[in-house]
Every structure is written in C-alpha cells, then in structure tokens.
Amino acid sequence: MRRLSYPGDGWFEVRELPGIRVHVLSTGQFKTISAKLAVRLPLHPPAVTANALVPFVLRRGTRRLPTSQAITRALESMYGARVHVEVGKVGEVQLVEVRGEAVADRFIPGGVAGSGQLESLLRLLLEVLYDPALQGDGFVPTYVHQERELLRRRIEGIINNKPQYAVYRLYEEMFRGEPFALHRLGRREDLEAIEPGSLFRHYLEQLVPRRAELAVVGPVAADEVAGLVQRLSGGLAFVPRAELADPPPCQVDREPEPPPSGWREVSETQDVRQEVLALGFRTRVRFRSAQYPGLMLYNGLLGGFPHSRLFVHVRERHSLAYFAYSRLEPTK
C-alpha cells in the first residue's frame, strides 16, 4: 500500500490493480460516496475530437442498460444517484471522465453500513466506460450521430461566451504549435470523418489500453473498494489493460521567438457592445517550481481576490471595465 498526502483530514490510500489505479479517501465527513473514473489521453489532433466525443457516446447506454432511460431508472433505484461524463484538459493531457455520487447505505431509509450503494455505483461507472452498448461492428449509430451533432454545437457555442472565448483565442495564439493550444472539446473540422465504426476502433486502440484512475471519497474502506473493482472488472466486455504509457502532464515549454517590440498583438472584430481585452504572459514557472507559491500569491494580489488591485482600481475606482481579473495556468 502507498499513502499520498491529502490537503484535508485524511489520507488517500492507493491500490494498484491490473489496468486501474484506485485512490480511496475514507472519511465519515460526508453522507455520500463520490467516485470519479478517469483515463488520460495525449492531446493532439485529430484524436482530440474523437477523445472528446467518446464519453458522451458511452453515457448513452451500456450492454446491461442500453438506453439513457434504462440508466436513469437504475439511478433512481439507487435513491437518486447521479452519473455524469466529462472531457477535460490538464496541460497537454486530455481527460475522459465518468463520475458519480450516491448516498451511503447507512443514510438510506432503514439502511445500515454496507457496500450495496458503493457496489452499484462502481458497477455503473465501470460499465459506462468499459461495457458500452454496441450495434454491429461499432457503437450504436444513432448515438454517435446525435452526440456528434451536439458536440458540434458545443464547439460552435464557445464563441457565445465572450470572456471565455477571448481566453480560448489567447491560448490559441500564445501556444501556437503546442498541444496546449487545442480546446478540450476538439475541432469542428474533425467531426465529419468520425463514424460509429471508426470511433469504436479509436476507443479500443486509445482508451481501453490506458491505465484508468479511480478516486473514491466517502465512508468506505480502500480494501473494500479495490475488492469490488477487481470483482466487477471480470464481467466487463473490455477490461482495462494499461498497455500504453501514460502521457506526461505537460511538455517542456518551448518559448516562442518574441517579435521586435516584445509584444504580439492579435485583434478580432465582432458585432458586440462590450470589448474584451486579454493579456498573456509566460513566466516559465509551473506548479513544480519553487517559485510557484510566490506566483500564486502575486496572482491573488493582482486579480485573484475580491480586494485585488485589478478589481479595486480598474473596476471599482475608475469604472473602466465590467470585469477585471487574472488567472494562473499552473501546467504552463
């Protein structure tokens, strides 16, 4: 067993299983059991778009529960448990996540301490990721086509939130030529080439052979969780294998050639009533650096706190902006 420090009242206990690394924080502080199952994938085109589409297709149905309606009924039978999928980005790593939450056994009507709710939650998370509903030689075509269109709308909708869009465009320009410039949802131009068969092959070649990370927090024991995962994995259609190496969280920064003025300015014009100004600076300090705590404090004083200088002076005293803040990207 290996212990990892946790910034709370306990410790994460780690169990290494074939294809899955289990992290458990046993605590009686909560009445619910929270679990997240995640797979780390390299962030590069055109795989970034297929990676982003996979979890939404997986959430549509499993072999045991082949429709969204069947999954919803199963969650209702677990006293209103919840299961969500998401795609994220940390540095140059793309995350495919399946997370869920269920009330612990001893807090349900007439319940006592046990593993019924825990087992049901873990079973559903594992089935969503490794036992999907299939049709023919791939995913269910209806699910793929519908989720592909929804993903297209999500990508096209990025522009509707102007502050977030400005930061997204800033990252595109600052990290041009680096994987970090890619959006976590992928690229619209990649969608047309994705079909049920090709997406299923991508799932088998890229997601299944990579190690999964399972984190569980609640009134549960590490050995209990590891035992359940090991037993439930035997009934899955595709067992995680951990054959492919984990991608690194971020690459060594490649500093771009600075323009003669020391600045590079990019302007984009739209028919809007408010302008958004985004400034980006590369400090070459990441979260592993000894200077990182100082950079965090500086970011807070500049624009990370309600009493920060940007908020107090730019917004409050001079009324020059509707919002003013600063953010820190720890992986870059």
Protein backbone atom coordinates (compact mmCIF):
# COMPACT_ATOMS: atom_id res chain seq x y z
CA MET A 1 0.00 0.00 0.00
CA ARG A 2 1.18 3.53 -0.80
CA ARG A 3 -0.08 6.61 1.04
CA LEU A 4 -0.43 10.03 -0.57
CA SER A 5 -0.91 13.24 1.39
CA TYR A 6 -4.27 14.95 1.00
CA PRO A 7 -5.00 18.58 1.95
CA GLY A 8 -7.80 17.61 4.30
CA ASP A 9 -8.48 15.49 7.34
CA GLY A 10 -7.30 12.17 5.95
CA TRP A 11 -5.11 10.26 3.53
CA PHE A 12 -5.65 8.74 0.14
CA GLU A 13 -4.81 5.05 0.17
CA VAL A 14 -3.67 3.67 -3.18
CA ARG A 15 -4.28 0.17 -4.53
CA GLU A 16 -2.69 -0.96 -7.78
CA LEU A 17 -4.93 -3.23 -9.84
CA PRO A 18 -4.41 -4.51 -13.39
CA GLY A 19 -5.34 -1.56 -15.58
CA ILE A 20 -6.80 0.57 -12.78
CA ARG A 21 -5.13 2.54 -10.00
CA VAL A 22 -7.55 3.01 -7.08
CA HIS A 23 -7.33 6.03 -4.73
CA VAL A 24 -9.58 5.97 -1.67
CA LEU A 25 -10.12 8.64 0.99
CA SER A 26 -12.03 7.02 3.84
CA THR A 27 -13.93 9.70 5.75
CA GLY A 28 -17.16 9.95 7.71
CA GLN A 29 -17.43 13.65 6.96
CA PHE A 30 -19.90 13.11 4.12
CA LYS A 31 -23.17 11.23 3.78
CA THR A 32 -22.50 10.43 0.16
CA ILE A 33 -19.99 8.37 -1.80
CA SER A 34 -18.27 10.30 -4.60
CA ALA A 35 -16.33 8.47 -7.29
CA LYS A 36 -14.51 9.53 -10.43
CA LEU A 37 -13.09 7.21 -13.09
CA ALA A 38 -10.70 8.94 -15.49
CA VAL A 39 -8.42 8.00 -18.38
CA ARG A 40 -5.56 10.25 -19.51
CA LEU A 41 -5.03 10.64 -23.26
CA PRO A 42 -2.44 12.59 -25.28
CA LEU A 43 -3.70 15.93 -26.52
CA HIS A 44 -3.06 16.11 -30.26
CA PRO A 45 -5.08 16.48 -33.48
CA PRO A 46 -7.18 14.88 -34.82
CA ALA A 47 -7.55 12.47 -31.87
CA VAL A 48 -8.55 15.35 -29.60
CA THR A 49 -12.02 15.48 -31.19
CA ALA A 50 -12.62 11.72 -31.08
CA ASN A 51 -11.47 11.70 -27.44
CA ALA A 52 -14.00 14.42 -26.65
CA LEU A 53 -16.86 12.59 -28.37
CA VAL A 54 -16.29 9.15 -26.80
CA PRO A 55 -17.55 9.85 -23.23
CA PHE A 56 -20.84 11.36 -24.43
CA VAL A 57 -21.49 8.30 -26.61
CA LEU A 58 -20.60 5.96 -23.75
CA ARG A 59 -23.06 7.72 -21.45
CA ARG A 60 -25.96 6.89 -23.82
CA GLY A 61 -26.06 3.21 -22.90
CA THR A 62 -24.28 0.09 -21.69
CA ARG A 63 -24.70 -3.56 -22.55
CA ARG A 64 -26.83 -4.10 -19.42
CA LEU A 65 -28.59 -0.73 -19.65
CA PRO A 66 -28.68 0.02 -23.40
CA THR A 67 -30.60 3.32 -23.28
CA SER A 68 -30.45 6.59 -21.38
CA GLN A 69 -33.88 5.79 -19.97
CA ALA A 70 -32.61 2.48 -18.56
CA ILE A 71 -29.64 4.23 -16.95
CA THR A 72 -31.94 6.86 -15.44
CA ARG A 73 -34.18 4.16 -13.94
CA ALA A 74 -31.14 2.42 -12.45
CA LEU A 75 -30.01 5.69 -10.87
CA GLU A 76 -33.50 6.30 -9.46
CA SER A 77 -33.42 2.85 -7.86
CA MET A 78 -30.20 3.94 -6.11
CA TYR A 79 -32.06 6.70 -4.25
CA GLY A 80 -31.36 9.39 -6.80
CA ALA A 81 -27.70 8.68 -7.53
CA ARG A 82 -26.04 10.71 -10.26
CA VAL A 83 -23.62 9.80 -13.04
CA HIS A 84 -22.03 12.31 -15.41
CA VAL A 85 -19.37 12.21 -18.11
CA GLU A 86 -16.98 15.00 -18.99
CA VAL A 87 -13.89 15.73 -21.03
CA GLY A 88 -11.18 17.91 -19.52
CA LYS A 89 -7.66 19.16 -20.16
CA VAL A 90 -4.65 19.38 -17.85
CA GLY A 91 -1.56 20.66 -19.60
CA GLU A 92 -1.07 18.53 -22.71
CA VAL A 93 -3.25 15.73 -21.33
CA GLN A 94 -6.90 15.22 -22.24
CA LEU A 95 -9.10 13.60 -19.60
CA VAL A 96 -12.09 11.34 -20.26
CA GLU A 97 -14.05 11.24 -17.01
CA VAL A 98 -17.02 9.32 -15.66
CA ARG A 99 -18.07 10.49 -12.21
CA GLY A 100 -20.91 9.65 -9.89
CA GLU A 101 -22.35 10.23 -6.47
CA ALA A 102 -24.65 8.11 -4.31
CA VAL A 103 -25.90 8.28 -0.75
CA ALA A 104 -24.12 5.88 1.61
CA ASP A 105 -26.01 2.78 2.75
CA ARG A 106 -26.40 3.78 6.38
CA PHE A 107 -28.17 7.02 5.43
CA ILE A 108 -30.93 5.48 3.30
CA PRO A 109 -34.30 4.56 4.90
CA GLY A 110 -33.77 1.52 7.09
CA GLY A 111 -30.21 1.21 5.88
CA VAL A 112 -27.13 0.02 7.72
CA ALA A 113 -23.46 0.27 6.95
CA GLY A 114 -22.70 -1.86 3.89
CA SER A 115 -21.45 -1.83 0.31
CA GLY A 116 -24.70 -2.07 -1.67
CA GLN A 117 -24.73 1.52 -2.86
CA LEU A 118 -20.96 1.52 -3.37
CA GLU A 119 -21.09 -1.63 -5.47
CA SER A 120 -23.98 -0.34 -7.58
CA LEU A 121 -22.19 2.97 -8.21
CA LEU A 122 -18.86 1.38 -9.11
CA ARG A 123 -20.58 -1.15 -11.34
CA LEU A 124 -22.34 1.57 -13.29
CA LEU A 125 -19.19 3.71 -13.69
CA LEU A 126 -17.18 0.73 -14.92
CA GLU A 127 -19.93 -0.36 -17.30
CA VAL A 128 -20.26 3.10 -18.81
CA LEU A 129 -16.52 3.20 -19.55
CA TYR A 130 -15.81 -0.45 -20.40
CA ASP A 131 -19.08 -2.17 -21.32
CA PRO A 132 -20.82 0.11 -23.84
CA ALA A 133 -23.92 -0.55 -25.91
CA LEU A 134 -22.86 -1.78 -29.37
CA GLN A 135 -24.53 -2.39 -32.69
CA GLY A 136 -22.81 -4.34 -35.42
CA ASP A 137 -19.08 -3.60 -35.51
CA GLY A 138 -19.23 -0.33 -33.60
CA PHE A 139 -21.14 1.99 -31.36
CA VAL A 140 -24.86 2.49 -31.88
CA PRO A 141 -25.04 4.73 -34.99
CA THR A 142 -27.94 6.81 -33.66
CA TYR A 143 -25.99 7.64 -30.51
CA VAL A 144 -22.84 8.61 -32.43
CA HIS A 145 -24.67 10.82 -34.94
CA GLN A 146 -26.71 12.60 -32.26
CA GLU A 147 -23.76 13.18 -29.93
CA ARG A 148 -21.59 14.29 -32.84
CA GLU A 149 -24.13 16.99 -33.67
CA LEU A 150 -24.35 18.04 -30.01
CA LEU A 151 -20.56 18.27 -29.82
CA ARG A 152 -20.56 20.41 -32.93
CA ARG A 153 -23.00 22.79 -31.24
CA ARG A 154 -20.83 22.90 -28.10
CA ILE A 155 -17.77 23.81 -30.15
CA GLU A 156 -19.64 26.43 -32.15
CA GLY A 157 -21.15 27.78 -28.92
CA ILE A 158 -17.75 28.64 -27.46
CA ILE A 159 -17.95 31.99 -29.20
CA ASN A 160 -21.17 32.94 -27.39
CA ASN A 161 -19.41 33.41 -24.05
CA LYS A 162 -17.15 36.33 -24.99
CA PRO A 163 -14.84 36.35 -21.92
CA GLN A 164 -14.21 32.60 -22.22
CA TYR A 165 -13.84 32.88 -25.98
CA ALA A 166 -11.24 35.62 -25.57
CA VAL A 167 -9.17 33.42 -23.23
CA TYR A 168 -9.54 30.48 -25.62
CA ARG A 169 -8.27 32.63 -28.52
CA LEU A 170 -5.48 33.96 -26.32
CA TYR A 171 -4.32 30.40 -25.60
CA GLU A 172 -4.53 29.56 -29.31
CA GLU A 173 -2.21 32.43 -30.14
CA MET A 174 0.17 32.14 -27.17
CA PHE A 175 0.70 28.39 -27.56
CA ARG A 176 0.55 28.17 -31.35
CA GLY A 177 2.22 24.93 -32.45
CA GLU A 178 1.88 23.34 -28.98
CA PRO A 179 -0.75 20.77 -27.97
CA PHE A 180 -1.96 23.08 -25.19
CA ALA A 181 -3.43 25.40 -27.83
CA LEU A 182 -6.13 22.81 -28.60
CA HIS A 183 -9.54 23.14 -26.94
CA ARG A 184 -10.65 20.27 -24.74
CA LEU A 185 -13.74 19.72 -26.97
CA GLY A 186 -11.67 19.32 -30.12
CA ARG A 187 -12.07 20.83 -33.57
CA ARG A 188 -15.21 21.19 -35.64
CA GLU A 189 -13.42 20.20 -38.87
CA ASP A 190 -12.66 16.70 -37.49
CA LEU A 191 -16.29 15.75 -36.84
CA GLU A 192 -17.39 14.77 -40.35
CA ALA A 193 -14.82 11.97 -40.55
CA ILE A 194 -15.99 10.34 -37.30
CA GLU A 195 -18.34 7.39 -37.84
CA PRO A 196 -19.60 4.68 -35.44
CA GLY A 197 -17.03 2.13 -36.64
CA SER A 198 -14.04 4.48 -36.64
CA LEU A 199 -14.96 5.90 -33.23
CA PHE A 200 -15.24 2.39 -31.79
CA ARG A 201 -11.81 1.46 -33.16
CA HIS A 202 -10.40 4.64 -31.64
CA TYR A 203 -11.97 3.68 -28.31
CA LEU A 204 -10.40 0.20 -28.46
CA GLU A 205 -6.97 1.42 -29.55
CA GLN A 206 -6.59 4.55 -27.42
CA LEU A 207 -8.83 4.42 -24.36
CA VAL A 208 -9.11 0.77 -23.31
CA PRO A 209 -5.33 0.04 -23.29
CA ARG A 210 -4.55 3.00 -20.99
CA ARG A 211 -4.47 2.92 -17.23
CA ALA A 212 -7.58 4.29 -15.55
CA GLU A 213 -7.52 6.26 -12.31
CA LEU A 214 -10.38 5.74 -9.86
CA ALA A 215 -10.80 8.13 -6.94
CA VAL A 216 -13.41 7.41 -4.25
CA VAL A 217 -14.25 9.63 -1.27
CA GLY A 218 -16.70 8.71 1.48
CA PRO A 219 -17.43 6.30 4.34
CA VAL A 220 -15.75 3.38 2.56
CA ALA A 221 -12.58 1.32 3.03
CA ALA A 222 -9.78 1.10 0.49
CA ASP A 223 -9.64 -2.70 0.52
CA GLU A 224 -13.41 -2.87 0.08
CA VAL A 225 -13.29 -0.60 -2.98
CA ALA A 226 -10.34 -2.44 -4.52
CA GLY A 227 -12.02 -5.80 -3.99
CA LEU A 228 -15.24 -4.63 -5.63
CA VAL A 229 -13.41 -3.14 -8.61
CA GLN A 230 -11.43 -6.33 -9.12
CA ARG A 231 -14.55 -8.49 -8.99
CA LEU A 232 -16.70 -6.21 -11.16
CA SER A 233 -14.00 -5.85 -13.81
CA GLY A 234 -14.25 -9.54 -14.60
CA GLY A 235 -17.73 -9.12 -16.07
CA LEU A 236 -16.92 -6.25 -18.41
CA ALA A 237 -16.79 -6.57 -22.18
CA PHE A 238 -13.48 -4.67 -22.36
CA VAL A 239 -11.12 -4.97 -19.42
CA PRO A 240 -8.66 -2.07 -18.91
CA ARG A 241 -5.15 -3.25 -19.77
CA ALA A 242 -2.72 -0.37 -19.09
CA GLU A 243 -0.58 -1.33 -22.06
CA LEU A 244 0.01 2.22 -23.34
CA ALA A 245 2.25 4.56 -21.38
CA ASP A 246 0.59 7.43 -19.52
CA PRO A 247 1.06 10.74 -21.34
CA PRO A 248 3.14 13.36 -19.49
CA PRO A 249 1.08 16.14 -17.88
CA CYS A 250 2.90 18.85 -19.84
CA GLN A 251 5.82 19.25 -22.19
CA VAL A 252 8.84 21.43 -21.61
CA ASP A 253 7.85 24.96 -22.56
CA ARG A 254 9.07 25.99 -25.97
CA GLU A 255 9.46 29.75 -25.72
CA PRO A 256 8.31 31.38 -28.98
CA GLU A 257 10.51 33.83 -30.80
CA PRO A 258 9.49 37.28 -29.48
CA PRO A 259 8.57 39.97 -32.00
CA PRO A 260 10.90 43.02 -32.24
CA SER A 261 8.65 45.04 -29.91
CA GLY A 262 8.47 42.29 -27.31
CA TRP A 263 4.71 42.03 -27.83
CA ARG A 264 2.44 40.26 -30.28
CA GLU A 265 -0.99 41.80 -30.69
CA VAL A 266 -4.00 39.99 -32.15
CA SER A 267 -7.35 41.71 -32.70
CA GLU A 268 -10.66 40.15 -33.68
CA THR A 269 -13.73 42.21 -34.56
CA GLN A 270 -17.32 41.14 -33.86
CA ASP A 271 -20.64 42.93 -33.64
CA VAL A 272 -20.76 43.27 -29.84
CA ARG A 273 -21.39 46.07 -27.33
CA GLN A 274 -18.51 45.25 -25.00
CA GLU A 275 -14.86 44.74 -25.81
CA VAL A 276 -12.77 42.06 -24.13
CA LEU A 277 -9.06 42.58 -23.58
CA ALA A 278 -6.93 39.56 -22.65
CA LEU A 279 -3.21 39.82 -21.89
CA GLY A 280 -0.98 36.76 -21.63
CA PHE A 281 2.48 36.42 -20.10
CA ARG A 282 4.71 33.33 -19.95
CA THR A 283 6.57 33.23 -16.63
CA ARG A 284 8.23 29.82 -17.16
CA VAL A 285 7.12 28.96 -13.60
CA ARG A 286 4.98 25.83 -13.24
CA PHE A 287 3.43 24.15 -10.21
CA ARG A 288 6.55 22.06 -9.52
CA SER A 289 8.76 25.14 -9.33
CA ALA A 290 9.96 26.53 -6.00
CA GLN A 291 8.72 29.94 -7.20
CA TYR A 292 5.16 28.75 -7.75
CA PRO A 293 3.77 29.65 -4.26
CA GLY A 294 5.04 33.19 -4.73
CA LEU A 295 3.46 33.37 -8.17
CA MET A 296 0.14 32.21 -6.69
CA LEU A 297 0.25 34.99 -4.11
CA TYR A 298 1.13 37.56 -6.77
CA ASN A 299 -1.76 36.38 -8.94
CA GLY A 300 -4.12 36.77 -5.99
CA LEU A 301 -2.95 40.31 -5.25
CA LEU A 302 -3.15 41.25 -8.92
CA GLY A 303 -6.58 39.89 -9.78
CA GLY A 304 -7.44 36.69 -7.95
CA PHE A 305 -9.04 38.12 -4.79
CA PRO A 306 -12.11 40.37 -4.33
CA HIS A 307 -9.76 43.02 -2.93
CA SER A 308 -7.17 42.61 -5.71
CA ARG A 309 -5.64 45.57 -7.50
CA LEU A 310 -7.37 44.95 -10.83
CA PHE A 311 -10.79 44.72 -9.23
CA VAL A 312 -10.38 47.65 -6.83
CA HIS A 313 -8.72 50.10 -9.23
CA VAL A 314 -9.79 49.16 -12.77
CA ARG A 315 -13.37 48.19 -11.98
CA GLU A 316 -14.39 49.94 -8.77
CA ARG A 317 -12.47 53.24 -8.61
CA HIS A 318 -12.18 54.07 -12.30
CA SER A 319 -15.17 52.10 -13.72
CA LEU A 320 -13.12 51.10 -16.74
CA ALA A 321 -14.34 47.52 -17.01
CA TYR A 322 -17.35 45.38 -16.21
CA PHE A 323 -14.99 42.65 -15.03
CA ALA A 324 -11.25 42.55 -14.38
CA TYR A 325 -9.34 39.55 -13.06
CA SER A 326 -6.20 37.46 -13.51
CA ARG A 327 -5.76 33.72 -13.70
CA LEU A 328 -2.82 31.36 -13.43
CA GLU A 329 -2.27 28.28 -15.60
CA PRO A 330 -0.14 26.03 -13.36
CA THR A 331 0.83 23.50 -16.04
CA LYS A 332 2.33 26.11 -18.38
